[in-house]
Protein backbone atom coordinates (compact mmCIF):
# COMPACT_ATOMS: atom_id res chain seq x y z
CA UNK A 1 -0.08 -0.19 -0.11
CA UNK A 2 1.47 3.45 -0.89
CA UNK A 3 2.20 5.62 2.70
CA UNK A 4 1.77 9.02 3.25
CA UNK A 5 3.67 11.34 5.18
CA UNK A 6 1.65 12.63 7.92
CA UNK A 7 1.73 15.88 8.26
CA UNK A 8 4.89 17.73 10.63
CA UNK A 9 5.13 14.51 13.16
CA UNK A 10 7.08 13.34 10.64
CA UNK A 11 5.07 9.18 10.61
CA UNK A 12 5.39 7.47 7.71
CA UNK A 13 1.93 5.55 7.61
CA UNK A 14 -0.18 4.37 4.98
CA UNK A 15 -2.05 6.51 2.85
CA UNK A 16 -5.59 3.74 4.70
CA UNK A 17 -5.10 3.91 8.62
CA UNK A 18 -7.61 0.71 10.27
CA UNK A 19 -10.36 2.23 12.51
CA UNK A 20 -10.37 0.07 16.10
CA UNK A 21 -14.63 0.81 17.38
CA UNK A 22 -15.26 -2.34 15.75
CA UNK A 23 -13.12 -4.74 17.03
CA UNK A 24 -15.01 -4.70 20.14
CA UNK A 25 -17.42 -6.57 18.42
CA UNK A 26 -15.11 -9.36 18.46
CA UNK A 27 -13.24 -11.90 20.62
CA UNK A 28 -9.92 -11.05 21.53
CA UNK A 29 -8.50 -13.86 18.99
CA UNK A 30 -10.35 -12.86 16.28
CA UNK A 31 -9.98 -9.06 16.30
CA UNK A 32 -6.34 -10.18 17.12
CA UNK A 33 -5.84 -11.49 13.49
CA UNK A 34 -8.59 -8.93 12.27
CA UNK A 35 -5.96 -6.46 13.44
CA UNK A 36 -2.65 -8.82 11.69
CA UNK A 37 -3.97 -9.66 9.03
CA UNK A 38 -4.43 -6.15 8.23
CA UNK A 39 -0.79 -5.30 9.07
CA UNK A 40 0.12 -7.81 7.17
CA UNK A 41 -1.62 -6.39 4.20
CA UNK A 42 -0.34 -2.56 4.07
CA UNK A 43 -1.53 -1.32 6.99
CA UNK A 44 0.64 -0.02 9.72
CA UNK A 45 -2.01 3.31 11.64
CA UNK A 46 -4.34 1.42 14.24
CA UNK A 47 -6.59 4.33 16.00
CA UNK A 48 -8.41 2.89 19.70
CA UNK A 49 -9.07 5.06 22.36
CA UNK A 50 -9.45 3.33 26.06
CA UNK A 51 -13.34 4.35 25.52
CA UNK A 52 -13.82 1.64 22.65
CA UNK A 53 -14.34 -0.97 25.75
CA UNK A 54 -11.13 -3.97 25.09
CA UNK A 55 -10.29 -2.38 22.27
CA UNK A 56 -6.73 -1.03 23.24
CA UNK A 57 -6.21 -4.67 24.87
CA UNK A 58 -6.24 -6.48 20.70
CA UNK A 59 -4.35 -3.47 19.59
CA UNK A 60 -2.32 -4.14 22.03
CA UNK A 61 -2.38 -7.82 22.13
CA UNK A 62 -1.36 -7.51 17.98
CA UNK A 63 1.01 -6.50 18.25
CA UNK A 64 3.58 -6.71 20.81
CA UNK A 65 7.08 -7.13 19.96
CA UNK A 66 6.70 -5.11 17.01
CA UNK A 67 5.65 -2.03 18.02
CA UNK A 68 7.74 0.39 15.66
CA UNK A 69 5.87 -1.43 12.90
CA UNK A 70 2.34 -0.05 13.84
CA UNK A 71 1.52 3.93 14.15
CA UNK A 72 -0.25 3.65 17.46
CA UNK A 73 -3.00 6.50 17.85
CA UNK A 74 -5.62 6.39 20.73
CA UNK A 75 -7.81 9.43 22.57
CA UNK A 76 -8.88 10.49 26.29
CA UNK A 77 -12.41 11.90 26.90
CA UNK A 78 -10.92 13.50 30.06
CA UNK A 79 -10.78 17.51 30.31
CA UNK A 80 -8.77 18.27 33.86
CA UNK A 81 -5.19 17.18 34.09
CA UNK A 82 -5.64 14.47 36.49
CA UNK A 83 -8.02 12.51 34.82
CA UNK A 84 -5.78 12.76 31.12
CA UNK A 85 -2.62 11.26 33.38
CA UNK A 86 -5.28 7.69 33.90
CA UNK A 87 -5.43 7.89 30.75
CA UNK A 88 -2.61 7.99 29.37
CA UNK A 89 -1.53 4.97 32.05
CA UNK A 90 -4.14 3.15 31.38
CA UNK A 91 -3.46 3.35 27.58
CA UNK A 92 0.11 2.64 28.15
CA UNK A 93 -1.01 -0.75 29.77
CA UNK A 94 -4.00 -1.69 27.73
CA UNK A 95 -1.74 -1.48 24.67
CA UNK A 96 1.72 -3.08 26.22
CA UNK A 97 3.63 -0.03 25.29
CA UNK A 98 5.75 2.40 26.85
CA UNK A 99 5.46 6.18 24.73
CA UNK A 100 2.16 6.55 22.26
CA UNK A 101 2.52 7.37 17.87
CA UNK A 102 -0.62 9.69 18.60
CA UNK A 103 -2.36 11.28 21.75
CA UNK A 104 -5.45 12.53 21.06
CA UNK A 105 -7.92 15.18 23.08
CA UNK A 106 -11.31 13.29 22.22
CA UNK A 107 -14.03 14.73 20.60
CA UNK A 108 -13.51 18.82 21.95
CA UNK A 109 -17.01 20.61 20.50
CA UNK A 110 -18.22 22.33 23.29
CA UNK A 111 -16.72 25.56 23.74
CA UNK A 112 -16.71 24.86 27.50
CA UNK A 113 -14.83 21.65 27.17
CA UNK A 114 -11.91 23.13 25.37
CA UNK A 115 -11.93 26.37 28.09
CA UNK A 116 -11.28 23.39 30.58
CA UNK A 117 -8.97 21.41 28.54
CA UNK A 118 -6.54 24.68 28.65
CA UNK A 119 -7.29 25.78 32.32
CA UNK A 120 -5.49 25.49 34.79
CA UNK A 121 -4.95 21.96 35.90
CA UNK A 122 -6.63 21.16 32.92
CA UNK A 123 -6.00 17.90 30.93
CA UNK A 124 -2.90 20.15 28.19
CA UNK A 125 -0.93 20.50 30.78
CA UNK A 126 -0.66 17.00 32.00
CA UNK A 127 -0.53 16.00 27.37
CA UNK A 128 2.44 17.85 27.83
CA UNK A 129 4.56 17.52 30.35
CA UNK A 130 4.12 13.33 28.71
CA UNK A 131 5.42 14.26 25.68
CA UNK A 132 8.24 15.98 27.31
CA UNK A 133 8.78 12.46 28.98
CA UNK A 134 8.26 11.16 25.84
CA UNK A 135 5.68 8.94 26.67
CA UNK A 136 3.60 11.07 24.48
CA UNK A 137 4.86 11.74 20.50
CA UNK A 138 2.13 13.58 19.09
CA UNK A 139 -1.07 15.33 20.38
CA UNK A 140 -3.47 15.70 18.24
CA UNK A 141 -7.26 16.73 18.22
CA UNK A 142 -10.99 14.63 17.47
CA UNK A 143 -13.83 16.48 16.66
CA UNK A 144 -17.32 16.69 15.65
CA UNK A 145 -18.43 20.72 15.67
CA UNK A 146 -16.29 22.52 12.70
CA UNK A 147 -15.92 25.91 14.16
CA UNK A 148 -14.57 24.53 17.50
CA UNK A 149 -12.48 22.44 15.58
CA UNK A 150 -11.27 25.23 13.44
CA UNK A 151 -10.46 27.87 16.42
CA UNK A 152 -8.46 24.79 18.19
CA UNK A 153 -6.27 24.25 14.98
CA UNK A 154 -5.41 28.08 14.33
CA UNK A 155 -4.02 27.79 17.76
CA UNK A 156 -1.44 25.24 16.72
CA UNK A 157 -0.10 23.45 19.27
CA UNK A 158 -1.95 20.00 17.98
CA UNK A 159 0.12 17.73 15.22
CA UNK A 160 -2.76 16.61 13.97
CA UNK A 161 -6.84 16.98 13.37
CA UNK A 162 -9.21 13.46 13.20
CA UNK A 163 -12.69 15.13 11.61
CA UNK A 164 -15.87 13.62 10.52
CA UNK A 165 -15.71 13.49 6.56
CA UNK A 166 -16.84 11.46 3.87
CA UNK A 167 -18.94 11.87 -0.01
CA UNK A 168 -22.06 13.53 2.37
CA UNK A 169 -20.11 15.58 4.83
CA UNK A 170 -17.59 17.02 2.86
CA UNK A 171 -17.82 20.86 5.10
CA UNK A 172 -13.81 20.13 6.32
CA UNK A 173 -12.57 20.61 2.78
CA UNK A 174 -14.04 23.99 3.10
CA UNK A 175 -12.11 25.47 6.22
CA UNK A 176 -10.62 22.69 8.05
CA UNK A 177 -8.28 21.12 5.40
CA UNK A 178 -7.09 23.16 3.34
CA UNK A 179 -5.82 25.25 7.37
CA UNK A 180 -5.00 21.93 8.32
CA UNK A 181 -2.78 21.93 5.11
CA UNK A 182 -1.14 24.98 6.28
CA UNK A 183 -0.37 24.37 9.39
CA UNK A 184 1.39 21.13 7.79
CA UNK A 185 -1.38 18.39 10.26
CA UNK A 186 -2.23 15.39 9.80
CA UNK A 187 -5.61 15.08 8.60
CA UNK A 188 -7.01 11.98 9.73
CA UNK A 189 -10.67 11.56 8.21
CA UNK A 190 -13.74 9.71 10.51
CA UNK A 191 -16.74 7.74 9.69
CA UNK A 192 -15.72 7.63 5.87
CA UNK A 193 -18.79 5.18 5.26
CA UNK A 194 -21.01 7.70 7.51
CA UNK A 195 -21.16 4.96 10.57
CA UNK A 196 -22.29 2.28 8.09
CA UNK A 197 -25.18 4.26 6.25
CA UNK A 198 -23.10 4.26 3.30
CA UNK A 199 -22.58 0.63 1.91
CA UNK A 200 -20.70 1.50 -1.33
CA UNK A 201 -17.61 1.39 0.40
CA UNK A 202 -15.02 1.18 -2.28
CA UNK A 203 -16.72 4.72 -3.46
CA UNK A 204 -17.35 6.10 -0.12
CA UNK A 205 -13.12 5.44 0.66
CA UNK A 206 -12.35 7.01 -3.47
CA UNK A 207 -14.09 9.65 -2.20
CA UNK A 208 -11.72 10.61 1.13
CA UNK A 209 -9.14 10.05 -1.20
CA UNK A 210 -10.09 12.96 -4.04
CA UNK A 211 -8.97 14.35 -1.34
CA UNK A 212 -4.73 15.48 -0.22
CA UNK A 213 -3.47 14.25 2.53
CA UNK A 214 -6.17 12.74 4.10
CA UNK A 215 -6.27 9.49 5.71
CA UNK A 216 -9.59 7.30 6.46
CA UNK A 217 -9.62 5.02 8.92
CA UNK A 218 -12.54 3.52 8.28
CA UNK A 219 -13.71 0.49 11.25
CA UNK A 220 -12.88 -3.13 9.77
CA UNK A 221 -14.31 -6.62 11.45
CA UNK A 222 -13.88 -8.42 9.09
CA UNK A 223 -11.37 -9.53 6.12
CA UNK A 224 -13.54 -8.90 3.35
CA UNK A 225 -14.48 -5.19 4.22
CA UNK A 226 -9.64 -4.95 5.06
CA UNK A 227 -9.48 -5.98 1.65
CA UNK A 228 -11.92 -4.38 0.00
CA UNK A 229 -10.82 -0.70 1.42
CA UNK A 230 -7.39 -2.29 0.00
CA UNK A 231 -7.71 -2.29 -3.00
CA UNK A 232 -8.99 0.82 -3.23
CA UNK A 233 -6.61 1.57 -1.95
CA UNK A 234 -4.40 0.95 -4.27
CA UNK A 235 -5.88 2.16 -7.19
CA UNK A 236 -5.70 4.91 -9.05
CA UNK A 237 -8.78 6.83 -8.11
CA UNK A 238 -8.77 8.43 -10.82
CA UNK A 239 -11.71 11.48 -12.27
CA UNK A 240 -15.83 9.73 -11.03
CA UNK A 241 -17.47 8.16 -13.57
CA UNK A 242 -20.98 8.99 -14.52
CA UNK A 243 -22.15 6.05 -12.44
CA UNK A 244 -20.27 7.41 -9.64
CA UNK A 245 -21.46 11.40 -9.40
CA UNK A 246 -25.16 9.49 -9.68
CA UNK A 247 -24.70 7.59 -7.05
CA UNK A 248 -23.20 10.60 -5.03
CA UNK A 249 -25.75 12.07 -5.18
CA UNK A 250 -28.50 9.65 -4.42
CA UNK A 251 -26.75 8.93 -1.13
CA UNK A 252 -26.59 12.55 -0.16
CA UNK A 253 -30.55 12.91 -1.28
CA UNK A 254 -31.23 9.85 0.78
CA UNK A 255 -29.63 10.99 3.56
CA UNK A 256 -28.55 15.03 4.15
CA UNK A 257 -27.09 15.58 7.00
CA UNK A 258 -29.58 14.20 10.09
CA UNK A 259 -28.76 10.48 9.38
CA UNK A 260 -27.13 8.33 12.97
CA UNK A 261 -23.37 7.51 11.97
CA UNK A 262 -23.54 5.07 14.95
CA UNK A 263 -20.89 6.67 16.82
CA UNK A 264 -22.71 4.88 19.42
CA UNK A 265 -22.20 8.01 22.23
CA UNK A 266 -25.76 8.13 22.90
CA UNK A 267 -25.44 4.87 24.09
CA UNK A 268 -26.74 3.29 27.39
CA UNK A 269 -30.36 4.71 27.30
CA UNK A 270 -31.07 5.31 30.92
CA UNK A 271 -34.30 3.86 30.03
CA UNK A 272 -33.43 1.16 28.01
CA UNK A 273 -34.18 1.85 24.45
CA UNK A 274 -31.51 0.60 21.44
CA UNK A 275 -31.72 4.07 20.74
CA UNK A 276 -29.15 3.14 16.99
CA UNK A 277 -30.86 0.70 16.26
CA UNK A 278 -34.13 1.92 16.16
CA UNK A 279 -32.20 5.38 14.83
CA UNK A 280 -31.74 3.34 11.34
CA UNK A 281 -35.05 1.37 11.34
CA UNK A 282 -36.28 3.66 7.90
CA UNK A 283 -32.56 3.25 6.61
CA UNK A 284 -33.04 -0.74 7.21
CA UNK A 285 -36.61 -1.00 6.11
CA UNK A 286 -35.47 0.39 2.72
CA UNK A 287 -32.72 -2.40 2.32
CA UNK A 288 -34.10 -5.78 4.52
CA UNK A 289 -37.46 -7.51 2.98
CA UNK A 290 -40.32 -7.37 5.08
CA UNK A 291 -40.30 -10.43 6.37
CA UNK A 292 -37.14 -10.51 7.88
CA UNK A 293 -36.55 -6.91 7.97
CA UNK A 294 -38.93 -6.90 11.33
CA UNK A 295 -38.36 -10.32 12.66
CA UNK A 296 -34.13 -8.31 13.01
CA UNK A 297 -35.50 -4.84 13.64
CA UNK A 298 -38.47 -5.97 16.57
CA UNK A 299 -36.89 -6.87 19.28
CA UNK A 300 -34.71 -3.09 18.89
CA UNK A 301 -38.09 -0.84 17.75
CA UNK A 302 -40.07 -2.42 21.05
CA UNK A 303 -37.45 -0.88 23.38
CA UNK A 304 -38.86 2.42 21.27
CA UNK A 305 -42.22 2.52 23.76
CA UNK A 306 -39.71 2.68 27.15
CA UNK A 307 -38.16 6.62 25.15
CA UNK A 308 -39.76 9.44 28.00
CA UNK A 309 -37.84 12.54 25.71
CA UNK A 310 -35.54 12.73 29.20
CA UNK A 311 -32.99 14.33 26.72
CA UNK A 312 -30.15 12.56 27.94
CA UNK A 313 -29.97 10.73 24.64
CA UNK A 314 -29.70 14.85 22.69
CA UNK A 315 -27.54 16.43 25.18
CA UNK A 316 -25.07 12.97 24.52
CA UNK A 317 -25.31 12.96 20.87
CA UNK A 318 -21.77 15.13 18.64
CA UNK A 319 -24.19 15.69 16.31
CA UNK A 320 -27.11 17.33 17.77
CA UNK A 321 -29.40 14.79 16.02
CA UNK A 322 -33.72 15.00 18.24
CA UNK A 323 -33.07 11.37 18.79
CA UNK A 324 -36.24 11.35 20.07
CA UNK A 325 -38.91 12.83 17.57
CA UNK A 326 -36.38 10.53 14.98
CA UNK A 327 -37.13 6.79 17.09
CA UNK A 328 -40.98 7.66 18.22
CA UNK A 329 -41.42 8.61 14.22
CA UNK A 330 -39.47 5.79 13.57
CA UNK A 331 -41.79 3.02 15.74
CA UNK A 332 -44.60 4.82 13.73
CA UNK A 333 -43.13 2.73 10.16
CA UNK A 334 -42.55 0.00 13.04
CA UNK A 335 -46.17 -0.25 13.79
CA UNK A 336 -47.05 0.06 9.84
CA UNK A 337 -44.91 -2.55 8.71
CA UNK A 338 -46.51 -4.82 11.53
CA UNK A 339 -49.98 -3.74 10.43
CA UNK A 340 -49.51 -4.41 7.02
CA UNK A 341 -47.79 -7.88 7.64
CA UNK A 342 -50.74 -8.58 9.42
CA UNK A 343 -52.95 -8.17 6.89
CA UNK A 344 -51.00 -10.66 4.76
């Protein structure tokens, strides 16, 4: 696979990385095998976080004894110095390493969070100290808020930026990414497949590869997904065909901006609502036969009745989606599908 230098970090990484959220769903031996499979086929950048259940432990097991062969990025959601240091030490233990290549402040999307991070006894204080001690090589940040991301990038304190970017969410290419290139920051594209909403993986990866210096980090839980992404990254992206442009337009009309990316920050629901599945129902209903749809989605949709609109999910959602309204609208659609099934 082609290599790319990740901004001013000087780190040479594969043109495409590996987002390690999906390996949470795999047994440890399966996850380790998949990570090694990706490495054996040219992937050298692996992005994880200690918030991703046992993802870090699996990455640590996969690359123990060959640490210098891979670039590992991880994250902290802590905003205070003590919490950030605790997270860092935990990550070092789980990853079985004595340094992190890229340590990222995760999901910085609100002004008050940024003030806490950079204030007295804030996370930035601890992270800079850890960098001086050699525990961190480079410092980055992730965000879902374009204005905040631009503000943070302009400080010049960060070597990398990670932001959602795909053929539906292309706004970062207007200002954030050009700014990052000007500052020689490494650029990581999270949600390259829109959290799974974009089911044409080749087209989704090709779209990102059109953007200079942007490294997509799709998540994988199967070898065929790795193969597809690698084969796409190895091809000359070239111009979009007329058929591909039509497909992009269909996705944009179908999904718009108000769709669930399955990041699962909204979970767990205090009332037990299976939010992610409920948010996906309308989209899934267009692609699945009715008889399969109801058995597949029924258990999750029944939990929507537990929703009391407490607002917890809205506060957690980085995309500010009106989750209770969407899942209740989807529940009404589910009930119509049930009635139609009964009449057949």
